[in-house]
Protein backbone atom coordinates (compact mmCIF):
# COMPACT_ATOMS: atom_id res chain seq x y z
CA MET A 1 -0.57 -0.33 -0.33
CA LYS A 2 1.53 3.46 -0.89
CA ILE A 3 0.48 6.10 1.24
CA PRO A 4 1.06 9.63 -0.58
CA PHE A 5 2.84 12.23 1.15
CA ASN A 6 0.98 14.65 0.77
CA TYR A 7 -2.32 15.33 -1.00
CA LEU A 8 -0.86 18.53 -2.91
CA PRO A 9 -1.07 17.22 -6.66
CA MET A 10 -5.02 16.47 -5.99
CA GLN A 11 -5.39 18.82 -4.59
CA PHE A 12 -4.51 21.19 -6.82
CA SER A 13 -5.48 19.31 -9.89
CA ASP A 14 -6.44 22.45 -11.11
CA THR A 15 -4.84 25.53 -11.14
CA ARG A 16 -5.99 27.92 -13.92
CA ARG A 17 -8.47 29.91 -11.04
CA ILE A 18 -4.72 29.93 -8.90
CA PHE A 19 -2.97 31.54 -11.66
CA GLU A 20 -5.06 33.95 -12.63
CA GLY A 21 -5.78 35.02 -9.77
CA TRP A 22 -1.82 35.55 -9.65
CA LYS A 23 -1.97 37.51 -12.23
CA LYS A 24 -4.46 40.48 -11.47
CA LEU A 25 -2.75 40.19 -8.99
CA ILE A 26 0.81 40.70 -9.84
CA LYS A 27 0.18 42.96 -13.19
CA THR A 28 -1.57 45.08 -9.43
CA SER A 29 1.85 45.40 -7.49
CA ASP A 30 -0.88 45.49 -4.57
CA PHE A 31 0.72 42.57 -2.34
CA THR A 32 2.86 44.70 -0.49
CA ALA A 33 0.74 47.23 1.20
CA GLY A 34 -1.40 47.31 -1.10
CA GLN A 35 -6.07 46.19 -2.12
CA LYS A 36 -5.28 43.19 -1.84
CA MET A 37 -3.24 42.58 1.63
CA ILE A 38 -5.79 44.95 3.32
CA GLU A 39 -8.28 42.41 2.26
CA PHE A 40 -6.50 39.75 3.70
CA GLU A 41 -6.10 40.66 6.92
CA GLU A 42 -9.81 42.09 7.92
CA LYS A 43 -10.53 38.04 6.32
CA PHE A 44 -8.22 36.35 8.60
CA ALA A 45 -8.89 38.57 11.42
CA LYS A 46 -12.08 37.25 11.15
CA PHE A 47 -11.61 33.63 10.51
CA ILE A 48 -9.65 32.94 13.52
CA GLY A 49 -12.11 35.91 15.56
CA VAL A 50 -9.95 39.24 16.12
CA LYS A 51 -10.05 42.09 15.69
CA TYR A 52 -6.75 43.38 14.03
CA CYS A 53 -4.82 41.32 11.71
CA ILE A 54 -1.01 42.14 10.43
CA SER A 55 0.24 40.36 7.59
CA THR A 56 4.41 39.77 7.38
CA ASN A 57 6.62 38.04 4.89
CA SER A 58 7.56 34.62 6.29
CA GLY A 59 7.12 33.30 9.51
CA THR A 60 10.62 34.36 11.05
CA ASP A 61 8.95 38.15 10.30
CA ALA A 62 5.68 36.94 12.04
CA LEU A 63 7.77 35.19 15.39
CA ILE A 64 9.90 37.72 15.28
CA LEU A 65 7.40 40.63 15.41
CA SER A 66 5.14 39.00 18.44
CA LEU A 67 7.91 38.81 20.33
CA LYS A 68 8.50 42.46 20.43
CA SER A 69 5.22 43.11 20.67
C-alpha cells in the first residue's frame, strides 16, 4: 500500500483559477501594503475571531514581531 506524502497533486490538480488570480495581482502590484493585503487581513481576522491581523512576509518575521510586541 502506497501512502501519499502529501495531497498537493490532488488539491491543486486544476491551477488555472489560482494562476489567473496571481496574474491579476502581479499586474496591480497590490500585494505589498495594498488593497488585497488589507482584504486578506480583514478576512483572516474575522476567520480566527480577532479584531486585528497583521500579515508578514514570512513566519520568521511573524515570530520576531510577536516577540517584540
